[in-house]
Amino acid sequence: MEITIDAMRYIDKYNSAIFFSGDSDFFPLINYLKNNGKKIYIISFRNNVSEELRTSGHGYCDVLDIEYIWGSNLKTRTKKIILRKKDGPKM
C-alpha cells in the first residue's frame, strides 16, 4: 500500500517507474501511472510473475537474464536437500 501512496503523491517528480515485483495487485497502479504518461518497467522472476503484470508495462525483464547482476557463472540448485532433525535420546 505504501508504494501506491508514494507513487501517487510524487507523480509529478518522476517520468519512469520500475517495479521489482510479479504481483498482479500492482496492475491497477501500473495502469493508472501509464494513463498519466509514466513509463513503466517490470522486473521479476519469469516463474513468479502474473501474465497481466508482465504485459502491462512498457518493458519486462526476467531477473535471471540480468547477467551483470548475477554474473556469468550462475548455478541453480539441481537437487533438493531435506534436513531432518535427528531424534534425541529416549527417556
PDB file of N, CA and C in Angstrom:
ATOM      1  N   MET A   1       0.815  -1.178   0.000  1.00  0.00           N
ATOM      2  CA  MET A   1       0.000   0.000   0.000  1.00  0.00           C
ATOM      3  C   MET A   1       0.870   1.257   0.000  1.00  0.00           C
ATOM      4  N   GLU A   2       1.989   1.244   0.719  1.00  0.00           N
ATOM      5  CA  GLU A   2       2.839   2.431   0.799  1.00  0.00           C
ATOM      6  C   GLU A   2       3.398   2.833  -0.562  1.00  0.00           C
ATOM      7  N   ILE A   3       3.755   1.850  -1.389  1.00  0.00           N
ATOM      8  CA  ILE A   3       4.297   2.171  -2.701  1.00  0.00           C
ATOM      9  C   ILE A   3       3.244   2.878  -3.552  1.00  0.00           C
ATOM     10  N   THR A   4       1.996   2.494  -3.417  1.00  0.00           N
ATOM     11  CA  THR A   4       0.920   3.145  -4.154  1.00  0.00           C
ATOM     12  C   THR A   4       0.754   4.581  -3.708  1.00  0.00           C
ATOM     13  N   ILE A   5       0.762   4.799  -2.421  1.00  0.00           N
ATOM     14  CA  ILE A   5       0.625   6.159  -1.892  1.00  0.00           C
ATOM     15  C   ILE A   5       1.777   7.030  -2.360  1.00  0.00           C
ATOM     16  N   ASP A   6       3.009   6.518  -2.269  1.00  0.00           N
ATOM     17  CA  ASP A   6       4.173   7.293  -2.704  1.00  0.00           C
ATOM     18  C   ASP A   6       4.153   7.545  -4.210  1.00  0.00           C
ATOM     19  N   ALA A   7       3.770   6.537  -4.981  1.00  0.00           N
ATOM     20  CA  ALA A   7       3.727   6.695  -6.443  1.00  0.00           C
ATOM     21  C   ALA A   7       2.742   7.786  -6.844  1.00  0.00           C
ATOM     22  N   MET A   8       1.640   7.883  -6.146  1.00  0.00           N
ATOM     23  CA  MET A   8       0.641   8.901  -6.466  1.00  0.00           C
ATOM     24  C   MET A   8       1.007  10.258  -5.873  1.00  0.00           C
ATOM     25  N   ARG A   9       1.573  10.268  -4.683  1.00  0.00           N
ATOM     26  CA  ARG A   9       1.955  11.527  -4.039  1.00  0.00           C
ATOM     27  C   ARG A   9       3.036  12.252  -4.829  1.00  0.00           C
ATOM     28  N   TYR A  10       3.993  11.507  -5.348  1.00  0.00           N
ATOM     29  CA  TYR A  10       5.138  12.106  -6.047  1.00  0.00           C
ATOM     30  C   TYR A  10       5.039  11.967  -7.565  1.00  0.00           C
ATOM     31  N   ILE A  11       3.840  11.826  -8.087  1.00  0.00           N
ATOM     32  CA  ILE A  11       3.652  11.550  -9.505  1.00  0.00           C
ATOM     33  C   ILE A  11       4.272  12.611 -10.415  1.00  0.00           C
ATOM     34  N   ASP A  12       4.381  13.825  -9.957  1.00  0.00           N
ATOM     35  CA  ASP A  12       4.980  14.896 -10.771  1.00  0.00           C
ATOM     36  C   ASP A  12       6.499  14.942 -10.656  1.00  0.00           C
ATOM     37  N   LYS A  13       7.088  14.058  -9.878  1.00  0.00           N
ATOM     38  CA  LYS A  13       8.528  14.091  -9.619  1.00  0.00           C
ATOM     39  C   LYS A  13       9.322  13.066 -10.434  1.00  0.00           C
ATOM     40  N   TYR A  14       8.662  12.228 -11.207  1.00  0.00           N
ATOM     41  CA  TYR A  14       9.382  11.191 -11.965  1.00  0.00           C
ATOM     42  C   TYR A  14       8.693  10.947 -13.306  1.00  0.00           C
ATOM     43  N   ASN A  15       9.457  10.395 -14.240  1.00  0.00           N
ATOM     44  CA  ASN A  15       8.935  10.068 -15.569  1.00  0.00           C
ATOM     45  C   ASN A  15       8.760   8.573 -15.775  1.00  0.00           C
ATOM     46  N   SER A  16       9.541   7.782 -15.042  1.00  0.00           N
ATOM     47  CA  SER A  16       9.531   6.329 -15.198  1.00  0.00           C
ATOM     48  C   SER A  16       9.499   5.671 -13.832  1.00  0.00           C
ATOM     49  N   ALA A  17       8.927   4.468 -13.804  1.00  0.00           N
ATOM     50  CA  ALA A  17       8.907   3.686 -12.568  1.00  0.00           C
ATOM     51  C   ALA A  17       9.296   2.249 -12.903  1.00  0.00           C
ATOM     52  N   ILE A  18      10.079   1.654 -12.024  1.00  0.00           N
ATOM     53  CA  ILE A  18      10.494   0.267 -12.185  1.00  0.00           C
ATOM     54  C   ILE A  18       9.932  -0.526 -11.009  1.00  0.00           C
ATOM     55  N   PHE A  19       9.177  -1.546 -11.330  1.00  0.00           N
ATOM     56  CA  PHE A  19       8.593  -2.405 -10.309  1.00  0.00           C
ATOM     57  C   PHE A  19       9.371  -3.711 -10.258  1.00  0.00           C
ATOM     58  N   PHE A  20       9.932  -4.024  -9.118  1.00  0.00           N
ATOM     59  CA  PHE A  20      10.603  -5.299  -8.894  1.00  0.00           C
ATOM     60  C   PHE A  20       9.592  -6.214  -8.210  1.00  0.00           C
ATOM     61  N   SER A  21       8.644  -6.669  -8.977  1.00  0.00           N
ATOM     62  CA  SER A  21       7.568  -7.485  -8.422  1.00  0.00           C
ATOM     63  C   SER A  21       6.872  -8.236  -9.543  1.00  0.00           C
ATOM     64  N   GLY A  22       6.253  -9.334  -9.188  1.00  0.00           N
ATOM     65  CA  GLY A  22       5.435 -10.077 -10.130  1.00  0.00           C
ATOM     66  C   GLY A  22       3.991 -10.133  -9.672  1.00  0.00           C
ATOM     67  N   ASP A  23       3.677  -9.393  -8.636  1.00  0.00           N
ATOM     68  CA  ASP A  23       2.366  -9.428  -8.001  1.00  0.00           C
ATOM     69  C   ASP A  23       1.336  -8.638  -8.811  1.00  0.00           C
ATOM     70  N   SER A  24       0.276  -9.299  -9.217  1.00  0.00           N
ATOM     71  CA  SER A  24      -0.761  -8.647 -10.023  1.00  0.00           C
ATOM     72  C   SER A  24      -1.536  -7.583  -9.248  1.00  0.00           C
ATOM     73  N   ASP A  25      -1.356  -7.501  -7.935  1.00  0.00           N
ATOM     74  CA  ASP A  25      -2.008  -6.444  -7.161  1.00  0.00           C
ATOM     75  C   ASP A  25      -1.533  -5.058  -7.599  1.00  0.00           C
ATOM     76  N   PHE A  26      -0.372  -4.989  -8.267  1.00  0.00           N
ATOM     77  CA  PHE A  26       0.130  -3.703  -8.744  1.00  0.00           C
ATOM     78  C   PHE A  26      -0.469  -3.299 -10.096  1.00  0.00           C
ATOM     79  N   PHE A  27      -1.236  -4.180 -10.715  1.00  0.00           N
ATOM     80  CA  PHE A  27      -1.798  -3.913 -12.033  1.00  0.00           C
ATOM     81  C   PHE A  27      -2.604  -2.606 -12.094  1.00  0.00           C
ATOM     82  N   PRO A  28      -3.527  -2.338 -11.161  1.00  0.00           N
ATOM     83  CA  PRO A  28      -4.268  -1.071 -11.220  1.00  0.00           C
ATOM     84  C   PRO A  28      -3.359   0.157 -11.101  1.00  0.00           C
ATOM     85  N   LEU A  29      -2.358   0.081 -10.236  1.00  0.00           N
ATOM     86  CA  LEU A  29      -1.429   1.204 -10.089  1.00  0.00           C
ATOM     87  C   LEU A  29      -0.648   1.423 -11.377  1.00  0.00           C
ATOM     88  N   ILE A  30      -0.179   0.352 -11.986  1.00  0.00           N
ATOM     89  CA  ILE A  30       0.582   0.470 -13.231  1.00  0.00           C
ATOM     90  C   ILE A  30      -0.275   1.089 -14.332  1.00  0.00           C
ATOM     91  N   ASN A  31      -1.518   0.671 -14.437  1.00  0.00           N
ATOM     92  CA  ASN A  31      -2.409   1.272 -15.431  1.00  0.00           C
ATOM     93  C   ASN A  31      -2.643   2.752 -15.153  1.00  0.00           C
ATOM     94  N   TYR A  32      -2.826   3.090 -13.895  1.00  0.00           N
ATOM     95  CA  TYR A  32      -3.022   4.490 -13.527  1.00  0.00           C
ATOM     96  C   TYR A  32      -1.799   5.335 -13.916  1.00  0.00           C
ATOM     97  N   LEU A  33      -0.615   4.828 -13.598  1.00  0.00           N
ATOM     98  CA  LEU A  33       0.608   5.563 -13.913  1.00  0.00           C
ATOM     99  C   LEU A  33       0.799   5.683 -15.424  1.00  0.00           C
ATOM    100  N   LYS A  34       0.540   4.609 -16.157  1.00  0.00           N
ATOM    101  CA  LYS A  34       0.650   4.658 -17.620  1.00  0.00           C
ATOM    102  C   LYS A  34      -0.322   5.680 -18.201  1.00  0.00           C
ATOM    103  N   ASN A  35      -1.545   5.717 -17.686  1.00  0.00           N
ATOM    104  CA  ASN A  35      -2.544   6.676 -18.172  1.00  0.00           C
ATOM    105  C   ASN A  35      -2.165   8.111 -17.843  1.00  0.00           C
ATOM    106  N   ASN A  36      -1.237   8.282 -16.917  1.00  0.00           N
ATOM    107  CA  ASN A  36      -0.745   9.614 -16.568  1.00  0.00           C
ATOM    108  C   ASN A  36       0.631   9.884 -17.176  1.00  0.00           C
ATOM    109  N   GLY A  37       0.966   9.145 -18.224  1.00  0.00           N
ATOM    110  CA  GLY A  37       2.158   9.412 -19.009  1.00  0.00           C
ATOM    111  C   GLY A  37       3.471   8.870 -18.477  1.00  0.00           C
ATOM    112  N   LYS A  38       3.421   7.968 -17.528  1.00  0.00           N
ATOM    113  CA  LYS A  38       4.651   7.398 -16.967  1.00  0.00           C
ATOM    114  C   LYS A  38       5.073   6.158 -17.741  1.00  0.00           C
ATOM    115  N   LYS A  39       6.371   5.983 -17.903  1.00  0.00           N
ATOM    116  CA  LYS A  39       6.924   4.768 -18.486  1.00  0.00           C
ATOM    117  C   LYS A  39       7.095   3.763 -17.353  1.00  0.00           C
ATOM    118  N   ILE A  40       6.611   2.561 -17.557  1.00  0.00           N
ATOM    119  CA  ILE A  40       6.611   1.544 -16.506  1.00  0.00           C
ATOM    120  C   ILE A  40       7.368   0.314 -16.977  1.00  0.00           C
ATOM    121  N   TYR A  41       8.277  -0.155 -16.133  1.00  0.00           N
ATOM    122  CA  TYR A  41       9.069  -1.344 -16.429  1.00  0.00           C
ATOM    123  C   TYR A  41       8.923  -2.331 -15.282  1.00  0.00           C
ATOM    124  N   ILE A  42       8.805  -3.588 -15.631  1.00  0.00           N
ATOM    125  CA  ILE A  42       8.608  -4.654 -14.648  1.00  0.00           C
ATOM    126  C   ILE A  42       9.838  -5.560 -14.664  1.00  0.00           C
ATOM    127  N   ILE A  43      10.377  -5.833 -13.488  1.00  0.00           N
ATOM    128  CA  ILE A  43      11.476  -6.783 -13.344  1.00  0.00           C
ATOM    129  C   ILE A  43      11.035  -7.812 -12.306  1.00  0.00           C
ATOM    130  N   SER A  44      11.096  -9.064 -12.692  1.00  0.00           N
ATOM    131  CA  SER A  44      10.640 -10.125 -11.805  1.00  0.00           C
ATOM    132  C   SER A  44      11.227 -11.441 -12.271  1.00  0.00           C
ATOM    133  N   PHE A  45      10.955 -12.495 -11.527  1.00  0.00           N
ATOM    134  CA  PHE A  45      11.332 -13.835 -11.942  1.00  0.00           C
ATOM    135  C   PHE A  45      10.282 -14.362 -12.913  1.00  0.00           C
ATOM    136  N   ARG A  46      10.718 -14.941 -13.986  1.00  0.00           N
ATOM    137  CA  ARG A  46       9.842 -15.458 -15.045  1.00  0.00           C
ATOM    138  C   ARG A  46       8.753 -16.369 -14.479  1.00  0.00           C
ATOM    139  N   ASN A  47       9.101 -17.184 -13.496  1.00  0.00           N
ATOM    140  CA  ASN A  47       8.134 -18.133 -12.942  1.00  0.00           C
ATOM    141  C   ASN A  47       7.315 -17.559 -11.803  1.00  0.00           C
ATOM    142  N   ASN A  48       7.498 -16.280 -11.520  1.00  0.00           N
ATOM    143  CA  ASN A  48       6.792 -15.672 -10.398  1.00  0.00           C
ATOM    144  C   ASN A  48       6.235 -14.309 -10.794  1.00  0.00           C
ATOM    145  N   VAL A  49       5.614 -14.253 -11.957  1.00  0.00           N
ATOM    146  CA  VAL A  49       5.020 -13.002 -12.410  1.00  0.00           C
ATOM    147  C   VAL A  49       3.695 -13.324 -13.091  1.00  0.00           C
ATOM    148  N   SER A  50       2.681 -12.542 -12.794  1.00  0.00           N
ATOM    149  CA  SER A  50       1.398 -12.757 -13.456  1.00  0.00           C
ATOM    150  C   SER A  50       1.498 -12.282 -14.899  1.00  0.00           C
ATOM    151  N   GLU A  51       0.779 -12.926 -15.776  1.00  0.00           N
ATOM    152  CA  GLU A  51       0.790 -12.565 -17.198  1.00  0.00           C
ATOM    153  C   GLU A  51       0.317 -11.127 -17.405  1.00  0.00           C
ATOM    154  N   GLU A  52      -0.719 -10.720 -16.675  1.00  0.00           N
ATOM    155  CA  GLU A  52      -1.223  -9.358 -16.854  1.00  0.00           C
ATOM    156  C   GLU A  52      -0.199  -8.316 -16.402  1.00  0.00           C
ATOM    157  N   LEU A  53       0.559  -8.616 -15.369  1.00  0.00           N
ATOM    158  CA  LEU A  53       1.574  -7.666 -14.935  1.00  0.00           C
ATOM    159  C   LEU A  53       2.751  -7.654 -15.907  1.00  0.00           C
ATOM    160  N   ARG A  54       3.162  -8.825 -16.360  1.00  0.00           N
ATOM    161  CA  ARG A  54       4.295  -8.929 -17.286  1.00  0.00           C
ATOM    162  C   ARG A  54       4.048  -8.139 -18.563  1.00  0.00           C
ATOM    163  N   THR A  55       2.815  -8.107 -19.017  1.00  0.00           N
ATOM    164  CA  THR A  55       2.496  -7.432 -20.275  1.00  0.00           C
ATOM    165  C   THR A  55       1.933  -6.027 -20.085  1.00  0.00           C
ATOM    166  N   SER A  56       1.780  -5.577 -18.863  1.00  0.00           N
ATOM    167  CA  SER A  56       1.128  -4.287 -18.629  1.00  0.00           C
ATOM    168  C   SER A  56       2.064  -3.083 -18.742  1.00  0.00           C
ATOM    169  N   GLY A  57       3.346  -3.288 -18.561  1.00  0.00           N
ATOM    170  CA  GLY A  57       4.276  -2.162 -18.602  1.00  0.00           C
ATOM    171  C   GLY A  57       4.815  -1.905 -19.988  1.00  0.00           C
ATOM    172  N   HIS A  58       5.767  -0.995 -20.074  1.00  0.00           N
ATOM    173  CA  HIS A  58       6.425  -0.689 -21.339  1.00  0.00           C
ATOM    174  C   HIS A  58       7.565  -1.660 -21.620  1.00  0.00           C
ATOM    175  N   GLY A  59       7.949  -2.422 -20.614  1.00  0.00           N
ATOM    176  CA  GLY A  59       9.006  -3.397 -20.783  1.00  0.00           C
ATOM    177  C   GLY A  59       9.032  -4.356 -19.619  1.00  0.00           C
ATOM    178  N   TYR A  60       9.534  -5.555 -19.885  1.00  0.00           N
ATOM    179  CA  TYR A  60       9.657  -6.576 -18.852  1.00  0.00           C
ATOM    180  C   TYR A  60      11.022  -7.237 -18.973  1.00  0.00           C
ATOM    181  N   CYS A  61      11.610  -7.570 -17.826  1.00  0.00           N
ATOM    182  CA  CYS A  61      12.880  -8.276 -17.810  1.00  0.00           C
ATOM    183  C   CYS A  61      12.852  -9.317 -16.705  1.00  0.00           C
ATOM    184  N   ASP A  62      13.311 -10.515 -17.040  1.00  0.00           N
ATOM    185  CA  ASP A  62      13.457 -11.560 -16.040  1.00  0.00           C
ATOM    186  C   ASP A  62      14.749 -11.292 -15.274  1.00  0.00           C
ATOM    187  N   VAL A  63      14.671 -11.307 -13.967  1.00  0.00           N
ATOM    188  CA  VAL A  63      15.836 -11.034 -13.127  1.00  0.00           C
ATOM    189  C   VAL A  63      17.011 -11.936 -13.485  1.00  0.00           C
ATOM    190  N   LEU A  64      16.733 -13.179 -13.799  1.00  0.00           N
ATOM    191  CA  LEU A  64      17.816 -14.117 -14.100  1.00  0.00           C
ATOM    192  C   LEU A  64      18.519 -13.816 -15.415  1.00  0.00           C
ATOM    193  N   ASP A  65      17.915 -12.970 -16.253  1.00  0.00           N
ATOM    194  CA  ASP A  65      18.547 -12.586 -17.516  1.00  0.00           C
ATOM    195  C   ASP A  65      19.495 -11.403 -17.374  1.00  0.00           C
ATOM    196  N   ILE A  66      19.576 -10.826 -16.202  1.00  0.00           N
ATOM    197  CA  ILE A  66      20.443  -9.667 -15.982  1.00  0.00           C
ATOM    198  C   ILE A  66      21.814 -10.187 -15.557  1.00  0.00           C
ATOM    199  N   GLU A  67      22.662 -10.455 -16.522  1.00  0.00           N
ATOM    200  CA  GLU A  67      23.937 -11.124 -16.281  1.00  0.00           C
ATOM    201  C   GLU A  67      24.866 -10.309 -15.384  1.00  0.00           C
ATOM    202  N   TYR A  68      24.902  -8.996 -15.545  1.00  0.00           N
ATOM    203  CA  TYR A  68      25.841  -8.215 -14.743  1.00  0.00           C
ATOM    204  C   TYR A  68      25.451  -8.161 -13.273  1.00  0.00           C
ATOM    205  N   ILE A  69      24.237  -8.559 -12.942  1.00  0.00           N
ATOM    206  CA  ILE A  69      23.858  -8.661 -11.525  1.00  0.00           C
ATOM    207  C   ILE A  69      24.298 -10.020 -10.995  1.00  0.00           C
ATOM    208  N   TRP A  70      24.025 -11.075 -11.755  1.00  0.00           N
ATOM    209  CA  TRP A  70      24.263 -12.433 -11.287  1.00  0.00           C
ATOM    210  C   TRP A  70      25.623 -12.974 -11.671  1.00  0.00           C
ATOM    211  N   GLY A  71      26.221 -12.420 -12.699  1.00  0.00           N
ATOM    212  CA  GLY A  71      27.486 -12.954 -13.184  1.00  0.00           C
ATOM    213  C   GLY A  71      27.241 -14.075 -14.170  1.00  0.00           C
ATOM    214  N   SER A  72      28.269 -14.465 -14.873  1.00  0.00           N
ATOM    215  CA  SER A  72      28.095 -15.468 -15.919  1.00  0.00           C
ATOM    216  C   SER A  72      28.132 -16.893 -15.386  1.00  0.00           C
ATOM    217  N   ASN A  73      28.508 -17.089 -14.133  1.00  0.00           N
ATOM    218  CA  ASN A  73      28.628 -18.439 -13.582  1.00  0.00           C
ATOM    219  C   ASN A  73      27.482 -18.781 -12.635  1.00  0.00           C
ATOM    220  N   LEU A  74      26.299 -18.261 -12.922  1.00  0.00           N
ATOM    221  CA  LEU A  74      25.148 -18.533 -12.082  1.00  0.00           C
ATOM    222  C   LEU A  74      24.805 -20.015 -12.138  1.00  0.00           C
ATOM    223  N   LYS A  75      24.706 -20.610 -10.975  1.00  0.00           N
ATOM    224  CA  LYS A  75      24.358 -22.022 -10.898  1.00  0.00           C
ATOM    225  C   LYS A  75      23.043 -22.140 -10.147  1.00  0.00           C
ATOM    226  N   THR A  76      22.207 -23.009 -10.625  1.00  0.00           N
ATOM    227  CA  THR A  76      20.945 -23.235  -9.940  1.00  0.00           C
ATOM    228  C   THR A  76      21.008 -24.555  -9.197  1.00  0.00           C
ATOM    229  N   ARG A  77      20.241 -24.655  -8.157  1.00  0.00           N
ATOM    230  CA  ARG A  77      20.195 -25.875  -7.362  1.00  0.00           C
ATOM    231  C   ARG A  77      19.524 -26.970  -8.171  1.00  0.00           C
ATOM    232  N   THR A  78      20.158 -28.097  -8.271  1.00  0.00           N
ATOM    233  CA  THR A  78      19.605 -29.191  -9.064  1.00  0.00           C
ATOM    234  C   THR A  78      18.961 -30.262  -8.197  1.00  0.00           C
ATOM    235  N   LYS A  79      19.375 -30.348  -6.948  1.00  0.00           N
ATOM    236  CA  LYS A  79      18.844 -31.383  -6.072  1.00  0.00           C
ATOM    237  C   LYS A  79      18.352 -30.721  -4.789  1.00  0.00           C
ATOM    238  N   LYS A  80      17.153 -31.061  -4.401  1.00  0.00           N
ATOM    239  CA  LYS A  80      16.597 -30.515  -3.173  1.00  0.00           C
ATOM    240  C   LYS A  80      17.104 -31.345  -1.997  1.00  0.00           C
ATOM    241  N   ILE A  81      17.658 -30.654  -1.026  1.00  0.00           N
ATOM    242  CA  ILE A  81      18.187 -31.329   0.157  1.00  0.00           C
ATOM    243  C   ILE A  81      17.211 -31.114   1.304  1.00  0.00           C
ATOM    244  N   ILE A  82      16.803 -32.190   1.926  1.00  0.00           N
ATOM    245  CA  ILE A  82      15.882 -32.104   3.062  1.00  0.00           C
ATOM    246  C   ILE A  82      16.650 -32.488   4.314  1.00  0.00           C
ATOM    247  N   LEU A  83      16.720 -31.564   5.249  1.00  0.00           N
ATOM    248  CA  LEU A  83      17.384 -31.832   6.516  1.00  0.00           C
ATOM    249  C   LEU A  83      16.343 -32.234   7.524  1.00  0.00           C
ATOM    250  N   ARG A  84      16.607 -33.307   8.222  1.00  0.00           N
ATOM    251  CA  ARG A  84      15.668 -33.781   9.240  1.00  0.00           C
ATOM    252  C   ARG A  84      16.370 -33.776  10.582  1.00  0.00           C
ATOM    253  N   LYS A  85      15.614 -33.399  11.562  1.00  0.00           N
ATOM    254  CA  LYS A  85      16.136 -33.369  12.915  1.00  0.00           C
ATOM    255  C   LYS A  85      16.257 -34.806  13.428  1.00  0.00           C
ATOM    256  N   LYS A  86      17.441 -35.116  13.929  1.00  0.00           N
ATOM    257  CA  LYS A  86      17.647 -36.459  14.484  1.00  0.00           C
ATOM    258  C   LYS A  86      16.949 -36.550  15.827  1.00  0.00           C
ATOM    259  N   ASP A  87      16.435 -37.747  16.087  1.00  0.00           N
ATOM    260  CA  ASP A  87      15.790 -37.974  17.385  1.00  0.00           C
ATOM    261  C   ASP A  87      16.838 -37.996  18.479  1.00  0.00           C
ATOM    262  N   GLY A  88      16.524 -37.359  19.574  1.00  0.00           N
ATOM    263  CA  GLY A  88      17.418 -37.351  20.733  1.00  0.00           C
ATOM    264  C   GLY A  88      17.247 -38.633  21.532  1.00  0.00           C
ATOM    265  N   PRO A  89      17.993 -38.747  22.607  1.00  0.00           N
ATOM    266  CA  PRO A  89      17.880 -39.953  23.429  1.00  0.00           C
ATOM    267  C   PRO A  89      16.486 -40.075  24.045  1.00  0.00           C
ATOM    268  N   LYS A  90      15.990 -41.289  24.100  1.00  0.00           N
ATOM    269  CA  LYS A  90      14.655 -41.517  24.652  1.00  0.00           C
ATOM    270  C   LYS A  90      14.769 -41.741  26.155  1.00  0.00           C
ATOM    271  N   MET A  91      13.819 -41.221  26.868  1.00  0.00           N
ATOM    272  CA  MET A  91      13.815 -41.350  28.328  1.00  0.00           C
ATOM    273  C   MET A  91      12.690 -42.207  28.789  1.00  0.00           C
TER     274      MET A  91
END
